[in-house]
């Protein structure tokens, strides 16, 4: 499954962090802190995705799942998302 760090790395390959902080009106440490945590918030994920031409809905869902504690419900939703992403790639 894609991870929000993949999205962040893609965005940072296009523009440096200060650009994204200004563009998205984020605190200047927001992306650094997200990298330290290993995931970004659903809102930031959606905004970044939109800015770089990715589907914001997909990234919002991925970010929400990343922030969830491990549980059988989370496992079920991750499997569903993996299936959805795989189907989208095939079509």
PDB file of N, CA and C in Angstrom:
ATOM      1  N   UNK A   1       0.847  -1.174   0.000  1.00  0.00           N
ATOM      2  CA  UNK A   1       0.000   0.000   0.000  1.00  0.00           C
ATOM      3  C   UNK A   1       0.890   1.233   0.000  1.00  0.00           C
ATOM      4  N   UNK A   2       0.511   2.234  -0.767  1.00  0.00           N
ATOM      5  CA  UNK A   2       1.282   3.485  -0.724  1.00  0.00           C
ATOM      6  C   UNK A   2       1.243   4.065   0.690  1.00  0.00           C
ATOM      7  N   UNK A   3       2.251   4.836   1.017  1.00  0.00           N
ATOM      8  CA  UNK A   3       2.306   5.487   2.325  1.00  0.00           C
ATOM      9  C   UNK A   3       2.417   6.991   2.132  1.00  0.00           C
ATOM     10  N   UNK A   4       1.959   7.721   3.138  1.00  0.00           N
ATOM     11  CA  UNK A   4       1.997   9.175   3.003  1.00  0.00           C
ATOM     12  C   UNK A   4       3.418   9.708   2.898  1.00  0.00           C
ATOM     13  N   UNK A   5       4.387   8.960   3.386  1.00  0.00           N
ATOM     14  CA  UNK A   5       5.782   9.396   3.217  1.00  0.00           C
ATOM     15  C   UNK A   5       6.165   9.358   1.736  1.00  0.00           C
ATOM     16  N   UNK A   6       5.559   8.458   0.969  1.00  0.00           N
ATOM     17  CA  UNK A   6       5.780   8.434  -0.483  1.00  0.00           C
ATOM     18  C   UNK A   6       5.260   9.725  -1.107  1.00  0.00           C
ATOM     19  N   UNK A   7       4.076  10.135  -0.677  1.00  0.00           N
ATOM     20  CA  UNK A   7       3.485  11.383  -1.171  1.00  0.00           C
ATOM     21  C   UNK A   7       4.353  12.573  -0.781  1.00  0.00           C
ATOM     22  N   UNK A   8       4.783  12.608   0.463  1.00  0.00           N
ATOM     23  CA  UNK A   8       5.628  13.714   0.928  1.00  0.00           C
ATOM     24  C   UNK A   8       6.936  13.758   0.150  1.00  0.00           C
ATOM     25  N   UNK A   9       7.560  12.615  -0.051  1.00  0.00           N
ATOM     26  CA  UNK A   9       8.810  12.581  -0.819  1.00  0.00           C
ATOM     27  C   UNK A   9       8.608  13.063  -2.247  1.00  0.00           C
ATOM     28  N   UNK A  10       7.493  12.690  -2.849  1.00  0.00           N
ATOM     29  CA  UNK A  10       7.204  13.154  -4.211  1.00  0.00           C
ATOM     30  C   UNK A  10       7.042  14.678  -4.234  1.00  0.00           C
ATOM     31  N   UNK A  11       6.299  15.199  -3.264  1.00  0.00           N
ATOM     32  CA  UNK A  11       6.102  16.651  -3.195  1.00  0.00           C
ATOM     33  C   UNK A  11       7.429  17.372  -2.976  1.00  0.00           C
ATOM     34  N   UNK A  12       8.257  16.826  -2.095  1.00  0.00           N
ATOM     35  CA  UNK A  12       9.552  17.466  -1.819  1.00  0.00           C
ATOM     36  C   UNK A  12      10.532  17.325  -2.971  1.00  0.00           C
ATOM     37  N   UNK A  13      10.315  16.356  -3.853  1.00  0.00           N
ATOM     38  CA  UNK A  13      11.169  16.259  -5.032  1.00  0.00           C
ATOM     39  C   UNK A  13      10.801  17.344  -6.058  1.00  0.00           C
ATOM     40  N   UNK A  14       9.585  17.868  -5.936  1.00  0.00           N
ATOM     41  CA  UNK A  14       9.140  18.929  -6.841  1.00  0.00           C
ATOM     42  C   UNK A  14       9.505  20.317  -6.324  1.00  0.00           C
ATOM     43  N   UNK A  15       9.345  20.499  -5.011  1.00  0.00           N
ATOM     44  CA  UNK A  15       9.627  21.794  -4.385  1.00  0.00           C
ATOM     45  C   UNK A  15      10.133  21.557  -2.962  1.00  0.00           C
ATOM     46  N   UNK A  16      10.946  22.455  -2.438  1.00  0.00           N
ATOM     47  CA  UNK A  16      11.443  22.298  -1.056  1.00  0.00           C
ATOM     48  C   UNK A  16      10.330  22.546  -0.035  1.00  0.00           C
ATOM     49  N   UNK A  17      10.580  22.095   1.182  1.00  0.00           N
ATOM     50  CA  UNK A  17       9.595  22.224   2.259  1.00  0.00           C
ATOM     51  C   UNK A  17       9.075  23.654   2.454  1.00  0.00           C
ATOM     52  N   UNK A  18       9.949  24.688   2.434  1.00  0.00           N
ATOM     53  CA  UNK A  18       9.413  26.046   2.633  1.00  0.00           C
ATOM     54  C   UNK A  18       8.344  26.429   1.596  1.00  0.00           C
ATOM     55  N   UNK A  19       8.499  25.946   0.369  1.00  0.00           N
ATOM     56  CA  UNK A  19       7.489  26.204  -0.659  1.00  0.00           C
ATOM     57  C   UNK A  19       6.140  25.635  -0.217  1.00  0.00           C
ATOM     58  N   UNK A  20       6.142  24.380   0.245  1.00  0.00           N
ATOM     59  CA  UNK A  20       4.888  23.728   0.652  1.00  0.00           C
ATOM     60  C   UNK A  20       4.312  24.372   1.902  1.00  0.00           C
ATOM     61  N   UNK A  21       5.176  24.799   2.825  1.00  0.00           N
ATOM     62  CA  UNK A  21       4.678  25.479   4.018  1.00  0.00           C
ATOM     63  C   UNK A  21       3.931  26.750   3.621  1.00  0.00           C
ATOM     64  N   UNK A  22       4.504  27.514   2.706  1.00  0.00           N
ATOM     65  CA  UNK A  22       3.843  28.745   2.247  1.00  0.00           C
ATOM     66  C   UNK A  22       2.598  28.435   1.432  1.00  0.00           C
ATOM     67  N   UNK A  23       2.715  27.513   0.500  1.00  0.00           N
ATOM     68  CA  UNK A  23       1.620  27.172  -0.423  1.00  0.00           C
ATOM     69  C   UNK A  23       0.391  26.656   0.326  1.00  0.00           C
ATOM     70  N   UNK A  24       0.627  25.848   1.360  1.00  0.00           N
ATOM     71  CA  UNK A  24      -0.484  25.249   2.101  1.00  0.00           C
ATOM     72  C   UNK A  24      -0.784  25.964   3.415  1.00  0.00           C
ATOM     73  N   UNK A  25      -0.052  27.061   3.657  1.00  0.00           N
ATOM     74  CA  UNK A  25      -0.227  27.849   4.877  1.00  0.00           C
ATOM     75  C   UNK A  25      -0.037  26.982   6.128  1.00  0.00           C
ATOM     76  N   UNK A  26       1.075  26.247   6.142  1.00  0.00           N
ATOM     77  CA  UNK A  26       1.409  25.358   7.254  1.00  0.00           C
ATOM     78  C   UNK A  26       2.445  25.999   8.162  1.00  0.00           C
ATOM     79  N   UNK A  27       2.457  25.563   9.403  1.00  0.00           N
ATOM     80  CA  UNK A  27       3.530  25.926  10.317  1.00  0.00           C
ATOM     81  C   UNK A  27       4.848  25.472   9.698  1.00  0.00           C
ATOM     82  N   UNK A  28       5.915  26.218   9.874  1.00  0.00           N
ATOM     83  CA  UNK A  28       7.173  25.907   9.192  1.00  0.00           C
ATOM     84  C   UNK A  28       7.789  24.575   9.615  1.00  0.00           C
ATOM     85  N   UNK A  29       7.314  23.982  10.702  1.00  0.00           N
ATOM     86  CA  UNK A  29       7.817  22.682  11.150  1.00  0.00           C
ATOM     87  C   UNK A  29       6.882  21.524  10.815  1.00  0.00           C
ATOM     88  N   UNK A  30       5.764  21.798  10.189  1.00  0.00           N
ATOM     89  CA  UNK A  30       4.734  20.774   9.981  1.00  0.00           C
ATOM     90  C   UNK A  30       5.252  19.558   9.220  1.00  0.00           C
ATOM     91  N   UNK A  31       5.950  19.768   8.128  1.00  0.00           N
ATOM     92  CA  UNK A  31       6.417  18.638   7.329  1.00  0.00           C
ATOM     93  C   UNK A  31       7.577  17.914   8.005  1.00  0.00           C
ATOM     94  N   UNK A  32       8.419  18.662   8.689  1.00  0.00           N
ATOM     95  CA  UNK A  32       9.506  18.033   9.450  1.00  0.00           C
ATOM     96  C   UNK A  32       8.926  17.137  10.548  1.00  0.00           C
ATOM     97  N   UNK A  33       7.942  17.657  11.264  1.00  0.00           N
ATOM     98  CA  UNK A  33       7.311  16.878  12.325  1.00  0.00           C
ATOM     99  C   UNK A  33       6.606  15.646  11.765  1.00  0.00           C
ATOM    100  N   UNK A  34       5.973  15.794  10.627  1.00  0.00           N
ATOM    101  CA  UNK A  34       5.301  14.658   9.994  1.00  0.00           C
ATOM    102  C   UNK A  34       6.317  13.577   9.634  1.00  0.00           C
ATOM    103  N   UNK A  35       7.445  13.990   9.106  1.00  0.00           N
ATOM    104  CA  UNK A  35       8.487  13.021   8.746  1.00  0.00           C
ATOM    105  C   UNK A  35       8.984  12.291  10.001  1.00  0.00           C
ATOM    106  N   UNK A  36       9.115  13.008  11.110  1.00  0.00           N
ATOM    107  CA  UNK A  36       9.551  12.397  12.363  1.00  0.00           C
ATOM    108  C   UNK A  36       8.531  11.357  12.853  1.00  0.00           C
ATOM    109  N   UNK A  37       7.236  11.667  12.693  1.00  0.00           N
ATOM    110  CA  UNK A  37       6.173  10.746  13.112  1.00  0.00           C
ATOM    111  C   UNK A  37       6.031   9.578  12.145  1.00  0.00           C
ATOM    112  N   UNK A  38       6.439   9.789  10.899  1.00  0.00           N
ATOM    113  CA  UNK A  38       6.338   8.732   9.894  1.00  0.00           C
ATOM    114  C   UNK A  38       5.055   8.753   9.087  1.00  0.00           C
ATOM    115  N   UNK A  39       4.236   9.772   9.285  1.00  0.00           N
ATOM    116  CA  UNK A  39       3.012   9.920   8.484  1.00  0.00           C
ATOM    117  C   UNK A  39       2.532  11.365   8.556  1.00  0.00           C
ATOM    118  N   UNK A  40       1.706  11.737   7.586  1.00  0.00           N
ATOM    119  CA  UNK A  40       1.146  13.088   7.586  1.00  0.00           C
ATOM    120  C   UNK A  40      -0.356  13.015   7.835  1.00  0.00           C
ATOM    121  N   UNK A  41      -0.915  14.107   8.267  1.00  0.00           N
ATOM    122  CA  UNK A  41      -2.343  14.143   8.590  1.00  0.00           C
ATOM    123  C   UNK A  41      -3.172  13.986   7.319  1.00  0.00           C
ATOM    124  N   UNK A  42      -4.404  13.521   7.471  1.00  0.00           N
ATOM    125  CA  UNK A  42      -5.271  13.415   6.293  1.00  0.00           C
ATOM    126  C   UNK A  42      -5.469  14.745   5.561  1.00  0.00           C
ATOM    127  N   UNK A  43      -5.604  15.820   6.302  1.00  0.00           N
ATOM    128  CA  UNK A  43      -5.816  17.127   5.661  1.00  0.00           C
ATOM    129  C   UNK A  43      -4.601  17.549   4.840  1.00  0.00           C
ATOM    130  N   UNK A  44      -3.416  17.403   5.402  1.00  0.00           N
ATOM    131  CA  UNK A  44      -2.201  17.770   4.670  1.00  0.00           C
ATOM    132  C   UNK A  44      -1.992  16.823   3.496  1.00  0.00           C
ATOM    133  N   UNK A  45      -2.265  15.535   3.698  1.00  0.00           N
ATOM    134  CA  UNK A  45      -2.125  14.567   2.606  1.00  0.00           C
ATOM    135  C   UNK A  45      -3.039  14.935   1.436  1.00  0.00           C
ATOM    136  N   UNK A  46      -4.275  15.279   1.734  1.00  0.00           N
ATOM    137  CA  UNK A  46      -5.214  15.663   0.688  1.00  0.00           C
ATOM    138  C   UNK A  46      -4.775  16.917  -0.047  1.00  0.00           C
ATOM    139  N   UNK A  47      -4.302  17.900   0.705  1.00  0.00           N
ATOM    140  CA  UNK A  47      -3.866  19.162   0.095  1.00  0.00           C
ATOM    141  C   UNK A  47      -2.626  18.960  -0.775  1.00  0.00           C
ATOM    142  N   UNK A  48      -1.655  18.190  -0.276  1.00  0.00           N
ATOM    143  CA  UNK A  48      -0.457  17.905  -1.076  1.00  0.00           C
ATOM    144  C   UNK A  48      -0.820  17.147  -2.351  1.00  0.00           C
ATOM    145  N   UNK A  49      -1.662  16.126  -2.193  1.00  0.00           N
ATOM    146  CA  UNK A  49      -2.066  15.330  -3.349  1.00  0.00           C
ATOM    147  C   UNK A  49      -2.723  16.211  -4.413  1.00  0.00           C
ATOM    148  N   UNK A  50      -3.613  17.066  -3.977  1.00  0.00           N
ATOM    149  CA  UNK A  50      -4.303  17.959  -4.898  1.00  0.00           C
ATOM    150  C   UNK A  50      -3.310  18.856  -5.639  1.00  0.00           C
ATOM    151  N   UNK A  51      -2.347  19.382  -4.909  1.00  0.00           N
ATOM    152  CA  UNK A  51      -1.360  20.284  -5.503  1.00  0.00           C
ATOM    153  C   UNK A  51      -0.459  19.596  -6.531  1.00  0.00           C
ATOM    154  N   UNK A  52      -0.198  18.302  -6.354  1.00  0.00           N
ATOM    155  CA  UNK A  52       0.711  17.623  -7.288  1.00  0.00           C
ATOM    156  C   UNK A  52      -0.029  16.731  -8.282  1.00  0.00           C
ATOM    157  N   UNK A  53      -1.354  16.866  -8.317  1.00  0.00           N
ATOM    158  CA  UNK A  53      -2.128  16.159  -9.338  1.00  0.00           C
ATOM    159  C   UNK A  53      -2.488  14.722  -9.007  1.00  0.00           C
ATOM    160  N   UNK A  54      -2.456  14.375  -7.732  1.00  0.00           N
ATOM    161  CA  UNK A  54      -2.861  13.029  -7.295  1.00  0.00           C
ATOM    162  C   UNK A  54      -4.295  13.104  -6.766  1.00  0.00           C
ATOM    163  N   UNK A  55      -4.914  11.944  -6.583  1.00  0.00           N
ATOM    164  CA  UNK A  55      -6.277  11.891  -6.071  1.00  0.00           C
ATOM    165  C   UNK A  55      -6.284  12.179  -4.569  1.00  0.00           C
ATOM    166  N   UNK A  56      -6.812  13.334  -4.154  1.00  0.00           N
ATOM    167  CA  UNK A  56      -6.784  13.671  -2.734  1.00  0.00           C
ATOM    168  C   UNK A  56      -7.592  12.698  -1.875  1.00  0.00           C
ATOM    169  N   UNK A  57      -8.691  12.171  -2.407  1.00  0.00           N
ATOM    170  CA  UNK A  57      -9.520  11.252  -1.619  1.00  0.00           C
ATOM    171  C   UNK A  57      -8.743  10.001  -1.237  1.00  0.00           C
ATOM    172  N   UNK A  58      -7.991   9.465  -2.185  1.00  0.00           N
ATOM    173  CA  UNK A  58      -7.195   8.265  -1.910  1.00  0.00           C
ATOM    174  C   UNK A  58      -6.173   8.540  -0.809  1.00  0.00           C
ATOM    175  N   UNK A  59      -5.503   9.685  -0.900  1.00  0.00           N
ATOM    176  CA  UNK A  59      -4.462  10.004   0.075  1.00  0.00           C
ATOM    177  C   UNK A  59      -5.029  10.346   1.446  1.00  0.00           C
ATOM    178  N   UNK A  60      -6.214  10.923   1.485  1.00  0.00           N
ATOM    179  CA  UNK A  60      -6.863  11.201   2.768  1.00  0.00           C
ATOM    180  C   UNK A  60      -7.175   9.884   3.482  1.00  0.00           C
ATOM    181  N   UNK A  61      -7.677   8.916   2.740  1.00  0.00           N
ATOM    182  CA  UNK A  61      -7.988   7.608   3.322  1.00  0.00           C
ATOM    183  C   UNK A  61      -6.714   6.916   3.807  1.00  0.00           C
ATOM    184  N   UNK A  62      -5.671   6.943   2.992  1.00  0.00           N
ATOM    185  CA  UNK A  62      -4.402   6.317   3.381  1.00  0.00           C
ATOM    186  C   UNK A  62      -3.865   6.964   4.659  1.00  0.00           C
ATOM    187  N   UNK A  63      -3.899   8.295   4.718  1.00  0.00           N
ATOM    188  CA  UNK A  63      -3.406   8.999   5.909  1.00  0.00           C
ATOM    189  C   UNK A  63      -4.238   8.666   7.142  1.00  0.00           C
ATOM    190  N   UNK A  64      -5.538   8.579   6.970  1.00  0.00           N
ATOM    191  CA  UNK A  64      -6.400   8.238   8.103  1.00  0.00           C
ATOM    192  C   UNK A  64      -6.081   6.838   8.620  1.00  0.00           C
ATOM    193  N   UNK A  65      -5.877   5.897   7.719  1.00  0.00           N
ATOM    194  CA  UNK A  65      -5.549   4.530   8.139  1.00  0.00           C
ATOM    195  C   UNK A  65      -4.183   4.458   8.816  1.00  0.00           C
ATOM    196  N   UNK A  66      -3.224   5.220   8.314  1.00  0.00           N
ATOM    197  CA  UNK A  66      -1.895   5.227   8.936  1.00  0.00           C
ATOM    198  C   UNK A  66      -1.945   5.721  10.380  1.00  0.00           C
ATOM    199  N   UNK A  67      -2.844   6.630  10.668  1.00  0.00           N
ATOM    200  CA  UNK A  67      -2.891   7.208  12.009  1.00  0.00           C
ATOM    201  C   UNK A  67      -3.694   6.361  12.992  1.00  0.00           C
ATOM    202  N   UNK A  68      -4.382   5.360  12.497  1.00  0.00           N
ATOM    203  CA  UNK A  68      -5.163   4.469  13.362  1.00  0.00           C
ATOM    204  C   UNK A  68      -4.274   3.496  14.116  1.00  0.00           C
ATOM    205  N   UNK A  69      -4.688   3.135  15.297  1.00  0.00           N
ATOM    206  CA  UNK A  69      -4.016   2.071  16.036  1.00  0.00           C
ATOM    207  C   UNK A  69      -4.299   0.750  15.349  1.00  0.00           C
ATOM    208  N   UNK A  70      -3.403  -0.203  15.546  1.00  0.00           N
ATOM    209  CA  UNK A  70      -3.599  -1.525  14.967  1.00  0.00           C
ATOM    210  C   UNK A  70      -4.847  -2.177  15.553  1.00  0.00           C
ATOM    211  N   UNK A  71      -5.668  -2.724  14.673  1.00  0.00           N
ATOM    212  CA  UNK A  71      -6.884  -3.421  15.084  1.00  0.00           C
ATOM    213  C   UNK A  71      -7.368  -4.268  13.924  1.00  0.00           C
ATOM    214  N   UNK A  72      -8.310  -5.137  14.188  1.00  0.00           N
ATOM    215  CA  UNK A  72      -8.855  -5.955  13.106  1.00  0.00           C
ATOM    216  C   UNK A  72      -9.613  -5.084  12.100  1.00  0.00           C
ATOM    217  N   UNK A  73     -10.242  -4.032  12.573  1.00  0.00           N
ATOM    218  CA  UNK A  73     -10.937  -3.116  11.653  1.00  0.00           C
ATOM    219  C   UNK A  73      -9.946  -2.420  10.726  1.00  0.00           C
ATOM    220  N   UNK A  74      -8.825  -1.979  11.297  1.00  0.00           N
ATOM    221  CA  UNK A  74      -7.808  -1.335  10.472  1.00  0.00           C
ATOM    222  C   UNK A  74      -7.279  -2.321   9.442  1.00  0.00           C
ATOM    223  N   UNK A  75      -6.979  -3.548   9.856  1.00  0.00           N
ATOM    224  CA  UNK A  75      -6.491  -4.564   8.919  1.00  0.00           C
ATOM    225  C   UNK A  75      -7.489  -4.776   7.782  1.00  0.00           C
ATOM    226  N   UNK A  76      -8.762  -4.827   8.127  1.00  0.00           N
ATOM    227  CA  UNK A  76      -9.801  -5.021   7.117  1.00  0.00           C
ATOM    228  C   UNK A  76      -9.808  -3.868   6.112  1.00  0.00           C
ATOM    229  N   UNK A  77      -9.721  -2.648   6.598  1.00  0.00           N
ATOM    230  CA  UNK A  77      -9.758  -1.487   5.708  1.00  0.00           C
ATOM    231  C   UNK A  77      -8.479  -1.387   4.862  1.00  0.00           C
ATOM    232  N   UNK A  78      -7.338  -1.727   5.443  1.00  0.00           N
ATOM    233  CA  UNK A  78      -6.086  -1.715   4.679  1.00  0.00           C
ATOM    234  C   UNK A  78      -6.187  -2.711   3.526  1.00  0.00           C
ATOM    235  N   UNK A  79      -6.702  -3.902   3.791  1.00  0.00           N
ATOM    236  CA  UNK A  79      -6.874  -4.892   2.717  1.00  0.00           C
ATOM    237  C   UNK A  79      -7.796  -4.365   1.635  1.00  0.00           C
ATOM    238  N   UNK A  80      -8.841  -3.694   2.042  1.00  0.00           N
ATOM    239  CA  UNK A  80      -9.788  -3.133   1.072  1.00  0.00           C
ATOM    240  C   UNK A  80      -9.124  -2.054   0.211  1.00  0.00           C
ATOM    241  N   UNK A  81      -8.347  -1.199   0.845  1.00  0.00           N
ATOM    242  CA  UNK A  81      -7.653  -0.132   0.117  1.00  0.00           C
ATOM    243  C   UNK A  81      -6.624  -0.726  -0.835  1.00  0.00           C
ATOM    244  N   UNK A  82      -5.887  -1.722  -0.377  1.00  0.00           N
ATOM    245  CA  UNK A  82      -4.902  -2.370  -1.256  1.00  0.00           C
ATOM    246  C   UNK A  82      -5.605  -2.940  -2.470  1.00  0.00           C
ATOM    247  N   UNK A  83      -6.746  -3.566  -2.263  1.00  0.00           N
ATOM    248  CA  UNK A  83      -7.519  -4.130  -3.373  1.00  0.00           C
ATOM    249  C   UNK A  83      -7.968  -3.021  -4.326  1.00  0.00           C
ATOM    250  N   UNK A  84      -8.450  -1.906  -3.770  1.00  0.00           N
ATOM    251  CA  UNK A  84      -8.900  -0.770  -4.598  1.00  0.00           C
ATOM    252  C   UNK A  84      -7.759  -0.185  -5.424  1.00  0.00           C
ATOM    253  N   UNK A  85      -6.611   0.002  -4.785  1.00  0.00           N
ATOM    254  CA  UNK A  85      -5.452   0.570  -5.474  1.00  0.00           C
ATOM    255  C   UNK A  85      -4.982  -0.382  -6.575  1.00  0.00           C
ATOM    256  N   UNK A  86      -4.953  -1.680  -6.276  1.00  0.00           N
ATOM    257  CA  UNK A  86      -4.546  -2.668  -7.277  1.00  0.00           C
ATOM    258  C   UNK A  86      -5.480  -2.666  -8.470  1.00  0.00           C
ATOM    259  N   UNK A  87      -6.788  -2.578  -8.211  1.00  0.00           N
ATOM    260  CA  UNK A  87      -7.781  -2.545  -9.292  1.00  0.00           C
ATOM    261  C   UNK A  87      -7.619  -1.285 -10.137  1.00  0.00           C
ATOM    262  N   UNK A  88      -7.342  -0.163  -9.497  1.00  0.00           N
ATOM    263  CA  UNK A  88      -7.175   1.103 -10.229  1.00  0.00           C
ATOM    264  C   UNK A  88      -5.936   1.052 -11.114  1.00  0.00           C
ATOM    265  N   UNK A  89      -4.885   0.429 -10.626  1.00  0.00           N
ATOM    266  CA  UNK A  89      -3.636   0.338 -11.396  1.00  0.00           C
ATOM    267  C   UNK A  89      -3.842  -0.548 -12.625  1.00  0.00           C
ATOM    268  N   UNK A  90      -4.615  -1.631 -12.463  1.00  0.00           N
ATOM    269  CA  UNK A  90      -4.853  -2.547 -13.580  1.00  0.00           C
ATOM    270  C   UNK A  90      -5.693  -1.919 -14.674  1.00  0.00           C
ATOM    271  N   UNK A  91      -6.602  -0.990 -14.342  1.00  0.00           N
ATOM    272  CA  UNK A  91      -7.483  -0.425 -15.359  1.00  0.00           C
ATOM    273  C   UNK A  91      -6.890   0.736 -16.106  1.00  0.00           C
TER     274      UNK A  91
END
